[in-house]
């Protein structure tokens, strides 16, 4: 029931309320793609790939309104109602269950569901795992296209590689939307559109500030240069093993915790009128959050690429590393299509 006001606005106006807006999501995806580390595959660095990744940034918001079933299932994947105690109705962000099924079970104690309180962490984790598997198949395709002894099989791997490149860019661009949502403070809090019916000793605004912050303010005052200036140096560390579910969850939780820490500063800044006037402090604050999204998308994409070496492909499942080492014969079964 607490999202009735937001849903009412969506119904009243033909244009959907977009998280970070078209400009914000496009900026996050483009800056991330432009700063991919050199060791990522060449196809991810092309101008066409960067343009596509940027264009797909707002895609998951464009699809809102596709239908009741689609919206009900997917809209909660954009947010997380994180309380001031650092939990989602008793489920600690720092101790997320391994998957949505376990998350749903954990939330039963509070008589709620992921579709009421949001499941943004799982949108991010799912997308990471999908991208990692995309890269795993690409590695094997690229190897098979060069090393398969049968010319017909080399052609088969080459065709699959070309298709995989298209799929990978598409998956990365769409997933970037959820990573971007994770850098918007109002997407990771119960105070998502005004402080709401919670203890409010500082008298933070009850006004609907969500869209004015993420869309109106960004469109009017924040430039790509502002965001680019806030980007950090890419993280270089890469584990020499397939990341466990717990490791992926910990990385995701740490990112979202950082965003949640910006909720109160946002409300404090709002109270000063900084967002109405477009003050340097408000621009810097917002650019920093957008840059955090770009940093995270860049780093997670690079991590998915590097970690894909330790993944498995095909049916039955085979180790990518062993395939590339020549310890497993190249067959069509590695494509997972037979």
C-alpha atoms as a PDB file:
ATOM      1  CA  UNK A   1       0.000   0.000   0.000  1.00  0.00           C
ATOM      2  CA  UNK A   2       2.849   2.402   0.698  1.00  0.00           C
ATOM      3  CA  UNK A   3       3.631   2.766  -3.017  1.00  0.00           C
ATOM      4  CA  UNK A   4       0.095   3.843  -3.949  1.00  0.00           C
ATOM      5  CA  UNK A   5       1.158   7.485  -4.287  1.00  0.00           C
ATOM      6  CA  UNK A   6       3.921   6.614  -6.742  1.00  0.00           C
ATOM      7  CA  UNK A   7       1.639   4.299  -8.725  1.00  0.00           C
ATOM      8  CA  UNK A   8      -0.999   7.019  -8.870  1.00  0.00           C
ATOM      9  CA  UNK A   9       1.503   9.418 -10.416  1.00  0.00           C
ATOM     10  CA  UNK A  10       2.421   6.828 -13.015  1.00  0.00           C
ATOM     11  CA  UNK A  11      -1.237   6.386 -13.917  1.00  0.00           C
ATOM     12  CA  UNK A  12      -1.874  10.135 -14.116  1.00  0.00           C
ATOM     13  CA  UNK A  13       0.984  10.914 -16.463  1.00  0.00           C
ATOM     14  CA  UNK A  14       1.732   9.095 -19.740  1.00  0.00           C
ATOM     15  CA  UNK A  15       5.512   9.250 -19.250  1.00  0.00           C
ATOM     16  CA  UNK A  16       6.847   6.795 -16.649  1.00  0.00           C
ATOM     17  CA  UNK A  17       8.889   7.931 -13.666  1.00  0.00           C
ATOM     18  CA  UNK A  18      12.347   6.680 -14.580  1.00  0.00           C
ATOM     19  CA  UNK A  19      15.037   5.819 -12.050  1.00  0.00           C
ATOM     20  CA  UNK A  20      17.901   8.278 -12.583  1.00  0.00           C
ATOM     21  CA  UNK A  21      15.989   9.213 -15.717  1.00  0.00           C
ATOM     22  CA  UNK A  22      17.090   8.711 -19.301  1.00  0.00           C
ATOM     23  CA  UNK A  23      20.079  11.006 -18.871  1.00  0.00           C
ATOM     24  CA  UNK A  24      21.326   9.451 -15.649  1.00  0.00           C
ATOM     25  CA  UNK A  25      21.166   5.821 -16.765  1.00  0.00           C
ATOM     26  CA  UNK A  26      22.657   6.604 -20.163  1.00  0.00           C
ATOM     27  CA  UNK A  27      25.508   8.486 -18.508  1.00  0.00           C
ATOM     28  CA  UNK A  28      26.266   5.678 -16.059  1.00  0.00           C
ATOM     29  CA  UNK A  29      26.363   3.013 -18.766  1.00  0.00           C
ATOM     30  CA  UNK A  30      28.389   5.099 -21.203  1.00  0.00           C
ATOM     31  CA  UNK A  31      31.053   6.152 -18.693  1.00  0.00           C
ATOM     32  CA  UNK A  32      31.372   2.586 -17.439  1.00  0.00           C
ATOM     33  CA  UNK A  33      31.807   1.210 -20.963  1.00  0.00           C
ATOM     34  CA  UNK A  34      34.276   3.909 -21.918  1.00  0.00           C
ATOM     35  CA  UNK A  35      36.456   2.961 -18.962  1.00  0.00           C
ATOM     36  CA  UNK A  36      36.463  -0.830 -19.325  1.00  0.00           C
ATOM     37  CA  UNK A  37      39.997  -2.116 -18.614  1.00  0.00           C
ATOM     38  CA  UNK A  38      42.176  -3.071 -21.565  1.00  0.00           C
ATOM     39  CA  UNK A  39      42.123  -6.799 -20.772  1.00  0.00           C
ATOM     40  CA  UNK A  40      38.413  -7.068 -21.569  1.00  0.00           C
ATOM     41  CA  UNK A  41      37.637  -8.453 -25.061  1.00  0.00           C
ATOM     42  CA  UNK A  42      38.048  -6.147 -28.031  1.00  0.00           C
ATOM     43  CA  UNK A  43      34.360  -6.367 -28.935  1.00  0.00           C
ATOM     44  CA  UNK A  44      33.433  -4.609 -25.668  1.00  0.00           C
ATOM     45  CA  UNK A  45      35.611  -1.607 -26.552  1.00  0.00           C
ATOM     46  CA  UNK A  46      34.198  -0.715 -29.961  1.00  0.00           C
ATOM     47  CA  UNK A  47      32.327   2.541 -30.477  1.00  0.00           C
ATOM     48  CA  UNK A  48      29.243   0.567 -31.516  1.00  0.00           C
ATOM     49  CA  UNK A  49      29.347  -1.507 -28.318  1.00  0.00           C
ATOM     50  CA  UNK A  50      29.742   1.577 -26.130  1.00  0.00           C
ATOM     51  CA  UNK A  51      26.814   3.270 -27.887  1.00  0.00           C
ATOM     52  CA  UNK A  52      24.624   0.196 -27.466  1.00  0.00           C
ATOM     53  CA  UNK A  53      25.489  -0.232 -23.789  1.00  0.00           C
ATOM     54  CA  UNK A  54      24.693   3.448 -23.204  1.00  0.00           C
ATOM     55  CA  UNK A  55      21.422   3.256 -25.137  1.00  0.00           C
ATOM     56  CA  UNK A  56      20.298   0.201 -23.174  1.00  0.00           C
ATOM     57  CA  UNK A  57      20.848   1.920 -19.817  1.00  0.00           C
ATOM     58  CA  UNK A  58      17.211   3.072 -19.486  1.00  0.00           C
ATOM     59  CA  UNK A  59      15.749  -0.047 -21.159  1.00  0.00           C
ATOM     60  CA  UNK A  60      14.268  -1.638 -18.038  1.00  0.00           C
ATOM     61  CA  UNK A  61      12.361   1.588 -17.337  1.00  0.00           C
ATOM     62  CA  UNK A  62      11.162   1.867 -20.923  1.00  0.00           C
ATOM     63  CA  UNK A  63       9.537  -1.545 -20.530  1.00  0.00           C
ATOM     64  CA  UNK A  64       7.471  -0.458 -17.532  1.00  0.00           C
ATOM     65  CA  UNK A  65       3.817  -0.585 -18.424  1.00  0.00           C
ATOM     66  CA  UNK A  66       4.275  -3.638 -20.647  1.00  0.00           C
ATOM     67  CA  UNK A  67       1.490  -5.379 -18.757  1.00  0.00           C
ATOM     68  CA  UNK A  68       0.239  -6.231 -15.288  1.00  0.00           C
ATOM     69  CA  UNK A  69       2.120  -9.526 -15.035  1.00  0.00           C
ATOM     70  CA  UNK A  70       5.410  -8.094 -16.301  1.00  0.00           C
ATOM     71  CA  UNK A  71       5.211  -5.013 -14.097  1.00  0.00           C
ATOM     72  CA  UNK A  72       4.244  -6.939 -10.960  1.00  0.00           C
ATOM     73  CA  UNK A  73       7.090  -9.397 -11.410  1.00  0.00           C
ATOM     74  CA  UNK A  74       9.822  -6.966 -12.483  1.00  0.00           C
ATOM     75  CA  UNK A  75       9.239  -3.522 -10.966  1.00  0.00           C
ATOM     76  CA  UNK A  76      10.368  -4.585  -7.449  1.00  0.00           C
ATOM     77  CA  UNK A  77      13.732  -5.559  -8.955  1.00  0.00           C
ATOM     78  CA  UNK A  78      14.595  -1.862  -9.184  1.00  0.00           C
ATOM     79  CA  UNK A  79      14.531  -1.031  -5.475  1.00  0.00           C
ATOM     80  CA  UNK A  80      15.058  -2.189  -1.920  1.00  0.00           C
ATOM     81  CA  UNK A  81      13.146  -0.926   1.116  1.00  0.00           C
ATOM     82  CA  UNK A  82      16.113  -0.832   3.463  1.00  0.00           C
ATOM     83  CA  UNK A  83      15.255   0.346   6.964  1.00  0.00           C
ATOM     84  CA  UNK A  84      17.291   2.631   9.198  1.00  0.00           C
ATOM     85  CA  UNK A  85      18.470  -0.452  11.094  1.00  0.00           C
ATOM     86  CA  UNK A  86      20.212  -1.772   7.963  1.00  0.00           C
ATOM     87  CA  UNK A  87      17.712  -4.565   7.396  1.00  0.00           C
ATOM     88  CA  UNK A  88      14.902  -5.328   4.998  1.00  0.00           C
ATOM     89  CA  UNK A  89      12.157  -6.118   7.510  1.00  0.00           C
ATOM     90  CA  UNK A  90      14.651  -8.040   9.630  1.00  0.00           C
ATOM     91  CA  UNK A  91      16.794  -9.469   6.809  1.00  0.00           C
ATOM     92  CA  UNK A  92      20.255  -7.944   7.071  1.00  0.00           C
ATOM     93  CA  UNK A  93      21.711  -6.553   3.870  1.00  0.00           C
ATOM     94  CA  UNK A  94      25.083  -7.773   5.126  1.00  0.00           C
ATOM     95  CA  UNK A  95      23.748 -11.339   5.341  1.00  0.00           C
ATOM     96  CA  UNK A  96      21.625 -11.746   2.238  1.00  0.00           C
ATOM     97  CA  UNK A  97      20.271 -15.251   1.557  1.00  0.00           C
ATOM     98  CA  UNK A  98      21.840 -16.993  -1.427  1.00  0.00           C
ATOM     99  CA  UNK A  99      18.879 -16.631  -3.770  1.00  0.00           C
ATOM    100  CA  UNK A 100      15.400 -15.168  -4.165  1.00  0.00           C
ATOM    101  CA  UNK A 101      13.731 -18.299  -2.875  1.00  0.00           C
ATOM    102  CA  UNK A 102      15.632 -18.173   0.416  1.00  0.00           C
ATOM    103  CA  UNK A 103      15.114 -14.393   0.557  1.00  0.00           C
ATOM    104  CA  UNK A 104      11.356 -14.896   0.253  1.00  0.00           C
ATOM    105  CA  UNK A 105      11.413 -17.478   3.044  1.00  0.00           C
ATOM    106  CA  UNK A 106      13.416 -15.129   5.289  1.00  0.00           C
ATOM    107  CA  UNK A 107      10.916 -12.320   4.726  1.00  0.00           C
ATOM    108  CA  UNK A 108       7.992 -14.499   5.744  1.00  0.00           C
ATOM    109  CA  UNK A 109       8.848 -13.818   9.388  1.00  0.00           C
ATOM    110  CA  UNK A 110       7.847 -10.181   8.780  1.00  0.00           C
ATOM    111  CA  UNK A 111       4.776 -11.226   6.786  1.00  0.00           C
ATOM    112  CA  UNK A 112       6.085  -9.657   3.611  1.00  0.00           C
ATOM    113  CA  UNK A 113       7.591 -10.703   0.267  1.00  0.00           C
ATOM    114  CA  UNK A 114      10.352  -9.622  -2.147  1.00  0.00           C
ATOM    115  CA  UNK A 115       7.625  -8.149  -4.371  1.00  0.00           C
ATOM    116  CA  UNK A 116       6.619  -5.740  -1.601  1.00  0.00           C
ATOM    117  CA  UNK A 117      10.000  -4.683  -0.234  1.00  0.00           C
ATOM    118  CA  UNK A 118      12.076  -5.043  -3.397  1.00  0.00           C
ATOM    119  CA  UNK A 119      14.829  -7.345  -4.554  1.00  0.00           C
ATOM    120  CA  UNK A 120      17.400  -5.055  -6.196  1.00  0.00           C
ATOM    121  CA  UNK A 121      20.391  -7.039  -4.800  1.00  0.00           C
ATOM    122  CA  UNK A 122      19.231 -10.105  -6.704  1.00  0.00           C
ATOM    123  CA  UNK A 123      18.790  -8.128  -9.926  1.00  0.00           C
ATOM    124  CA  UNK A 124      22.439  -7.139  -9.599  1.00  0.00           C
ATOM    125  CA  UNK A 125      23.660 -10.615  -8.628  1.00  0.00           C
ATOM    126  CA  UNK A 126      21.655 -12.344 -11.362  1.00  0.00           C
ATOM    127  CA  UNK A 127      23.023  -9.971 -13.980  1.00  0.00           C
ATOM    128  CA  UNK A 128      26.591 -10.517 -12.825  1.00  0.00           C
ATOM    129  CA  UNK A 129      26.246 -14.284 -13.060  1.00  0.00           C
ATOM    130  CA  UNK A 130      24.636 -14.038 -16.501  1.00  0.00           C
ATOM    131  CA  UNK A 131      27.405 -11.768 -17.802  1.00  0.00           C
ATOM    132  CA  UNK A 132      30.078 -14.052 -16.380  1.00  0.00           C
ATOM    133  CA  UNK A 133      28.525 -16.988 -18.251  1.00  0.00           C
ATOM    134  CA  UNK A 134      28.284 -14.908 -21.437  1.00  0.00           C
ATOM    135  CA  UNK A 135      32.009 -14.280 -21.221  1.00  0.00           C
ATOM    136  CA  UNK A 136      32.692 -17.935 -20.425  1.00  0.00           C
ATOM    137  CA  UNK A 137      30.964 -19.066 -23.621  1.00  0.00           C
ATOM    138  CA  UNK A 138      32.739 -16.346 -25.601  1.00  0.00           C
ATOM    139  CA  UNK A 139      36.124 -17.569 -24.388  1.00  0.00           C
ATOM    140  CA  UNK A 140      35.348 -21.090 -25.563  1.00  0.00           C
ATOM    141  CA  UNK A 141      33.856 -19.877 -28.841  1.00  0.00           C
ATOM    142  CA  UNK A 142      36.937 -17.796 -29.590  1.00  0.00           C
ATOM    143  CA  UNK A 143      39.233 -20.708 -28.772  1.00  0.00           C
ATOM    144  CA  UNK A 144      37.188 -23.203 -30.767  1.00  0.00           C
ATOM    145  CA  UNK A 145      37.039 -20.921 -33.807  1.00  0.00           C
ATOM    146  CA  UNK A 146      40.848 -21.021 -33.936  1.00  0.00           C
ATOM    147  CA  UNK A 147      41.733 -24.491 -32.692  1.00  0.00           C
ATOM    148  CA  UNK A 148      39.003 -26.955 -33.667  1.00  0.00           C
ATOM    149  CA  UNK A 149      40.470 -29.534 -36.068  1.00  0.00           C
ATOM    150  CA  UNK A 150      37.279 -29.860 -38.115  1.00  0.00           C
ATOM    151  CA  UNK A 151      36.672 -26.811 -40.388  1.00  0.00           C
ATOM    152  CA  UNK A 152      32.904 -27.191 -39.984  1.00  0.00           C
ATOM    153  CA  UNK A 153      33.272 -27.115 -36.213  1.00  0.00           C
ATOM    154  CA  UNK A 154      35.528 -24.056 -36.403  1.00  0.00           C
ATOM    155  CA  UNK A 155      32.807 -22.325 -38.398  1.00  0.00           C
ATOM    156  CA  UNK A 156      30.211 -23.391 -35.841  1.00  0.00           C
ATOM    157  CA  UNK A 157      32.264 -21.876 -33.014  1.00  0.00           C
ATOM    158  CA  UNK A 158      32.848 -18.696 -35.041  1.00  0.00           C
ATOM    159  CA  UNK A 159      29.117 -18.251 -35.669  1.00  0.00           C
ATOM    160  CA  UNK A 160      28.352 -18.831 -32.008  1.00  0.00           C
ATOM    161  CA  UNK A 161      31.040 -16.309 -31.036  1.00  0.00           C
ATOM    162  CA  UNK A 162      29.447 -13.629 -33.217  1.00  0.00           C
ATOM    163  CA  UNK A 163      26.038 -14.274 -31.688  1.00  0.00           C
ATOM    164  CA  UNK A 164      27.517 -14.368 -28.187  1.00  0.00           C
ATOM    165  CA  UNK A 165      29.074 -10.952 -28.697  1.00  0.00           C
ATOM    166  CA  UNK A 166      25.659  -9.511 -29.544  1.00  0.00           C
ATOM    167  CA  UNK A 167      24.082 -11.197 -26.539  1.00  0.00           C
ATOM    168  CA  UNK A 168      26.848 -10.115 -24.184  1.00  0.00           C
ATOM    169  CA  UNK A 169      26.591  -6.435 -25.082  1.00  0.00           C
ATOM    170  CA  UNK A 170      22.815  -6.611 -24.781  1.00  0.00           C
ATOM    171  CA  UNK A 171      22.940  -8.384 -21.408  1.00  0.00           C
ATOM    172  CA  UNK A 172      25.579  -5.988 -20.081  1.00  0.00           C
ATOM    173  CA  UNK A 173      23.669  -2.893 -21.163  1.00  0.00           C
ATOM    174  CA  UNK A 174      20.338  -4.010 -19.706  1.00  0.00           C
ATOM    175  CA  UNK A 175      21.957  -5.192 -16.461  1.00  0.00           C
ATOM    176  CA  UNK A 176      23.674  -1.820 -16.156  1.00  0.00           C
ATOM    177  CA  UNK A 177      20.278  -0.336 -15.379  1.00  0.00           C
ATOM    178  CA  UNK A 178      20.018  -2.254 -12.104  1.00  0.00           C
ATOM    179  CA  UNK A 179      23.604  -1.483 -11.133  1.00  0.00           C
ATOM    180  CA  UNK A 180      22.744   2.159 -11.796  1.00  0.00           C
ATOM    181  CA  UNK A 181      19.600   1.923  -9.673  1.00  0.00           C
ATOM    182  CA  UNK A 182      21.843   0.722  -6.877  1.00  0.00           C
ATOM    183  CA  UNK A 183      23.659   4.071  -6.787  1.00  0.00           C
ATOM    184  CA  UNK A 184      20.455   6.112  -6.345  1.00  0.00           C
ATOM    185  CA  UNK A 185      19.972   6.617  -2.573  1.00  0.00           C
ATOM    186  CA  UNK A 186      16.175   6.754  -2.864  1.00  0.00           C
ATOM    187  CA  UNK A 187      16.186   3.265  -4.408  1.00  0.00           C
ATOM    188  CA  UNK A 188      17.664   1.622  -1.316  1.00  0.00           C
ATOM    189  CA  UNK A 189      15.566   3.033   1.509  1.00  0.00           C
ATOM    190  CA  UNK A 190      12.118   3.058   3.057  1.00  0.00           C
ATOM    191  CA  UNK A 191      12.364   6.857   2.700  1.00  0.00           C
ATOM    192  CA  UNK A 192      12.149   6.569  -1.070  1.00  0.00           C
ATOM    193  CA  UNK A 193       9.790   9.480  -1.798  1.00  0.00           C
ATOM    194  CA  UNK A 194       9.660  11.729   1.259  1.00  0.00           C
ATOM    195  CA  UNK A 195      10.564  10.569   4.760  1.00  0.00           C
ATOM    196  CA  UNK A 196       7.284   8.747   5.284  1.00  0.00           C
ATOM    197  CA  UNK A 197       5.617   7.462   8.418  1.00  0.00           C
ATOM    198  CA  UNK A 198       8.807   6.913  10.424  1.00  0.00           C
ATOM    199  CA  UNK A 199      10.433   8.712  13.364  1.00  0.00           C
ATOM    200  CA  UNK A 200      11.496  12.082  11.976  1.00  0.00           C
ATOM    201  CA  UNK A 201      13.135  14.199  14.714  1.00  0.00           C
ATOM    202  CA  UNK A 202      14.963  16.268  12.077  1.00  0.00           C
ATOM    203  CA  UNK A 203      11.713  17.069  10.263  1.00  0.00           C
ATOM    204  CA  UNK A 204      12.932  15.861   6.883  1.00  0.00           C
ATOM    205  CA  UNK A 205      10.616  16.632   4.001  1.00  0.00           C
ATOM    206  CA  UNK A 206       7.515  14.565   3.323  1.00  0.00           C
ATOM    207  CA  UNK A 207       7.330  15.905  -0.227  1.00  0.00           C
ATOM    208  CA  UNK A 208       7.599  13.542  -3.185  1.00  0.00           C
ATOM    209  CA  UNK A 209      11.242  14.196  -4.019  1.00  0.00           C
ATOM    210  CA  UNK A 210      12.074  11.009  -5.920  1.00  0.00           C
ATOM    211  CA  UNK A 211      11.507  12.138  -9.504  1.00  0.00           C
ATOM    212  CA  UNK A 212      12.537  15.766  -8.872  1.00  0.00           C
ATOM    213  CA  UNK A 213      15.900  14.502  -7.612  1.00  0.00           C
ATOM    214  CA  UNK A 214      16.787  11.732 -10.040  1.00  0.00           C
ATOM    215  CA  UNK A 215      15.276  13.183 -13.207  1.00  0.00           C
ATOM    216  CA  UNK A 216      14.448  16.902 -13.025  1.00  0.00           C
ATOM    217  CA  UNK A 217      17.572  17.917 -11.125  1.00  0.00           C
ATOM    218  CA  UNK A 218      19.925  15.683 -13.129  1.00  0.00           C
ATOM    219  CA  UNK A 219      18.470  16.836 -16.434  1.00  0.00           C
ATOM    220  CA  UNK A 220      18.809  20.499 -15.535  1.00  0.00           C
ATOM    221  CA  UNK A 221      22.039  20.753 -13.606  1.00  0.00           C
ATOM    222  CA  UNK A 222      24.327  17.678 -13.844  1.00  0.00           C
ATOM    223  CA  UNK A 223      26.627  17.257 -16.833  1.00  0.00           C
ATOM    224  CA  UNK A 224      28.547  14.232 -18.045  1.00  0.00           C
ATOM    225  CA  UNK A 225      31.740  16.113 -17.214  1.00  0.00           C
ATOM    226  CA  UNK A 226      30.545  16.519 -13.613  1.00  0.00           C
ATOM    227  CA  UNK A 227      30.092  12.769 -13.307  1.00  0.00           C
ATOM    228  CA  UNK A 228      33.287  11.870 -15.140  1.00  0.00           C
ATOM    229  CA  UNK A 229      35.274  14.047 -12.742  1.00  0.00           C
ATOM    230  CA  UNK A 230      34.053  11.884  -9.845  1.00  0.00           C
ATOM    231  CA  UNK A 231      35.051   8.504 -11.321  1.00  0.00           C
ATOM    232  CA  UNK A 232      37.607   6.534  -9.329  1.00  0.00           C
ATOM    233  CA  UNK A 233      40.468   4.312 -10.452  1.00  0.00           C
ATOM    234  CA  UNK A 234      39.358   0.871 -11.620  1.00  0.00           C
ATOM    235  CA  UNK A 235      39.890  -1.993  -9.200  1.00  0.00           C
ATOM    236  CA  UNK A 236      42.499  -4.416 -10.553  1.00  0.00           C
ATOM    237  CA  UNK A 237      42.261  -7.371  -8.150  1.00  0.00           C
ATOM    238  CA  UNK A 238      40.803 -10.597  -9.536  1.00  0.00           C
ATOM    239  CA  UNK A 239      40.371 -13.843  -7.571  1.00  0.00           C
ATOM    240  CA  UNK A 240      41.869 -17.054  -8.930  1.00  0.00           C
ATOM    241  CA  UNK A 241      38.706 -19.079  -8.330  1.00  0.00           C
ATOM    242  CA  UNK A 242      35.057 -19.018  -9.290  1.00  0.00           C
ATOM    243  CA  UNK A 243      33.401 -16.528  -6.989  1.00  0.00           C
ATOM    244  CA  UNK A 244      31.033 -18.171  -4.534  1.00  0.00           C
ATOM    245  CA  UNK A 245      27.478 -16.948  -4.133  1.00  0.00           C
ATOM    246  CA  UNK A 246      28.459 -15.509  -0.767  1.00  0.00           C
ATOM    247  CA  UNK A 247      31.303 -13.524  -2.326  1.00  0.00           C
ATOM    248  CA  UNK A 248      28.999 -12.072  -4.986  1.00  0.00           C
ATOM    249  CA  UNK A 249      26.403 -11.218  -2.324  1.00  0.00           C
ATOM    250  CA  UNK A 250      29.023  -9.557  -0.116  1.00  0.00           C
ATOM    251  CA  UNK A 251      30.267  -7.395  -2.988  1.00  0.00           C
ATOM    252  CA  UNK A 252      26.701  -6.386  -3.860  1.00  0.00           C
ATOM    253  CA  UNK A 253      25.785  -5.628  -0.246  1.00  0.00           C
ATOM    254  CA  UNK A 254      28.870  -3.462   0.232  1.00  0.00           C
ATOM    255  CA  UNK A 255      27.933  -1.396  -2.818  1.00  0.00           C
ATOM    256  CA  UNK A 256      24.340  -0.912  -1.670  1.00  0.00           C
ATOM    257  CA  UNK A 257      25.419  -0.094   1.879  1.00  0.00           C
ATOM    258  CA  UNK A 258      27.532   2.713   0.470  1.00  0.00           C
ATOM    259  CA  UNK A 259      24.505   4.063  -1.354  1.00  0.00           C
ATOM    260  CA  UNK A 260      22.283   3.772   1.714  1.00  0.00           C
ATOM    261  CA  UNK A 261      24.789   5.910   3.628  1.00  0.00           C
ATOM    262  CA  UNK A 262      23.889   8.799   1.303  1.00  0.00           C
ATOM    263  CA  UNK A 263      20.163   8.805   2.161  1.00  0.00           C
ATOM    264  CA  UNK A 264      20.336  11.107   5.202  1.00  0.00           C
ATOM    265  CA  UNK A 265      22.865  13.477   3.551  1.00  0.00           C
ATOM    266  CA  UNK A 266      20.449  13.750   0.611  1.00  0.00           C
ATOM    267  CA  UNK A 267      17.568  14.742   2.899  1.00  0.00           C
ATOM    268  CA  UNK A 268      19.780  17.168   4.800  1.00  0.00           C
ATOM    269  CA  UNK A 269      20.872  18.787   1.566  1.00  0.00           C
ATOM    270  CA  UNK A 270      17.297  18.905   0.311  1.00  0.00           C
ATOM    271  CA  UNK A 271      16.262  20.840   3.413  1.00  0.00           C
ATOM    272  CA  UNK A 272      18.698  23.624   2.497  1.00  0.00           C
ATOM    273  CA  UNK A 273      17.089  24.198  -0.900  1.00  0.00           C
ATOM    274  CA  UNK A 274      20.298  23.104  -2.647  1.00  0.00           C
ATOM    275  CA  UNK A 275      18.482  20.990  -5.218  1.00  0.00           C
ATOM    276  CA  UNK A 276      16.072  23.783  -6.087  1.00  0.00           C
ATOM    277  CA  UNK A 277      18.879  26.264  -6.693  1.00  0.00           C
ATOM    278  CA  UNK A 278      21.223  23.810  -8.358  1.00  0.00           C
ATOM    279  CA  UNK A 279      23.993  24.577  -5.891  1.00  0.00           C
ATOM    280  CA  UNK A 280      27.530  23.230  -6.396  1.00  0.00           C
ATOM    281  CA  UNK A 281      27.049  21.039  -3.317  1.00  0.00           C
ATOM    282  CA  UNK A 282      23.937  19.428  -4.795  1.00  0.00           C
ATOM    283  CA  UNK A 283      25.613  18.922  -8.180  1.00  0.00           C
ATOM    284  CA  UNK A 284      28.672  17.360  -6.562  1.00  0.00           C
ATOM    285  CA  UNK A 285      26.569  15.071  -4.372  1.00  0.00           C
ATOM    286  CA  UNK A 286      24.503  13.824  -7.296  1.00  0.00           C
ATOM    287  CA  UNK A 287      27.449  13.460  -9.663  1.00  0.00           C
ATOM    288  CA  UNK A 288      29.231  11.384  -7.036  1.00  0.00           C
ATOM    289  CA  UNK A 289      26.307   8.961  -6.812  1.00  0.00           C
ATOM    290  CA  UNK A 290      26.082   8.650 -10.579  1.00  0.00           C
ATOM    291  CA  UNK A 291      29.837   8.068 -10.708  1.00  0.00           C
ATOM    292  CA  UNK A 292      29.521   5.330  -8.093  1.00  0.00           C
ATOM    293  CA  UNK A 293      27.112   3.569 -10.435  1.00  0.00           C
ATOM    294  CA  UNK A 294      29.519   3.883 -13.364  1.00  0.00           C
ATOM    295  CA  UNK A 295      32.455   2.719 -11.227  1.00  0.00           C
ATOM    296  CA  UNK A 296      30.510  -0.302 -10.015  1.00  0.00           C
ATOM    297  CA  UNK A 297      29.307  -1.288 -13.481  1.00  0.00           C
ATOM    298  CA  UNK A 298      32.846  -0.996 -14.843  1.00  0.00           C
ATOM    299  CA  UNK A 299      34.377  -3.001 -12.002  1.00  0.00           C
ATOM    300  CA  UNK A 300      31.709  -5.701 -11.913  1.00  0.00           C
ATOM    301  CA  UNK A 301      31.914  -6.112 -15.695  1.00  0.00           C
ATOM    302  CA  UNK A 302      35.678  -6.514 -15.489  1.00  0.00           C
ATOM    303  CA  UNK A 303      35.262  -8.959 -12.614  1.00  0.00           C
ATOM    304  CA  UNK A 304      32.726 -10.983 -14.612  1.00  0.00           C
ATOM    305  CA  UNK A 305      35.206 -11.175 -17.505  1.00  0.00           C
ATOM    306  CA  UNK A 306      38.158 -12.240 -15.364  1.00  0.00           C
ATOM    307  CA  UNK A 307      36.108 -14.654 -13.276  1.00  0.00           C
ATOM    308  CA  UNK A 308      34.645 -16.309 -16.381  1.00  0.00           C
ATOM    309  CA  UNK A 309      37.913 -18.183 -16.796  1.00  0.00           C
ATOM    310  CA  UNK A 310      36.898 -20.327 -13.825  1.00  0.00           C
ATOM    311  CA  UNK A 311      33.320 -20.919 -14.990  1.00  0.00           C
ATOM    312  CA  UNK A 312      31.941 -23.921 -16.870  1.00  0.00           C
ATOM    313  CA  UNK A 313      30.044 -24.236 -20.156  1.00  0.00           C
ATOM    314  CA  UNK A 314      28.257 -26.833 -22.260  1.00  0.00           C
ATOM    315  CA  UNK A 315      26.274 -29.920 -21.491  1.00  0.00           C
ATOM    316  CA  UNK A 316      27.546 -31.800 -19.637  1.00  0.00           C
ATOM    317  CA  UNK A 317      29.271 -28.883 -17.926  1.00  0.00           C
ATOM    318  CA  UNK A 318      32.995 -28.501 -18.630  1.00  0.00           C
ATOM    319  CA  UNK A 319      35.668 -26.237 -17.133  1.00  0.00           C
ATOM    320  CA  UNK A 320      36.535 -23.233 -19.303  1.00  0.00           C
ATOM    321  CA  UNK A 321      40.094 -23.250 -18.030  1.00  0.00           C
ATOM    322  CA  UNK A 322      40.588 -26.907 -18.924  1.00  0.00           C
ATOM    323  CA  UNK A 323      39.100 -26.338 -22.376  1.00  0.00           C
ATOM    324  CA  UNK A 324      41.498 -23.473 -23.061  1.00  0.00           C
ATOM    325  CA  UNK A 325      44.388 -25.574 -21.752  1.00  0.00           C
ATOM    326  CA  UNK A 326      43.551 -28.246 -24.339  1.00  0.00           C
ATOM    327  CA  UNK A 327      42.624 -30.844 -21.739  1.00  0.00           C
ATOM    328  CA  UNK A 328      39.054 -31.212 -22.995  1.00  0.00           C
ATOM    329  CA  UNK A 329      38.305 -32.041 -26.661  1.00  0.00           C
ATOM    330  CA  UNK A 330      36.534 -29.400 -28.696  1.00  0.00           C
ATOM    331  CA  UNK A 331      33.056 -30.682 -29.558  1.00  0.00           C
ATOM    332  CA  UNK A 332      29.706 -29.112 -30.340  1.00  0.00           C
ATOM    333  CA  UNK A 333      28.521 -30.221 -26.908  1.00  0.00           C
ATOM    334  CA  UNK A 334      30.588 -27.351 -25.452  1.00  0.00           C
ATOM    335  CA  UNK A 335      28.109 -24.941 -27.033  1.00  0.00           C
ATOM    336  CA  UNK A 336      25.379 -26.344 -24.800  1.00  0.00           C
ATOM    337  CA  UNK A 337      23.047 -26.769 -27.767  1.00  0.00           C
ATOM    338  CA  UNK A 338      23.058 -30.559 -28.175  1.00  0.00           C
END
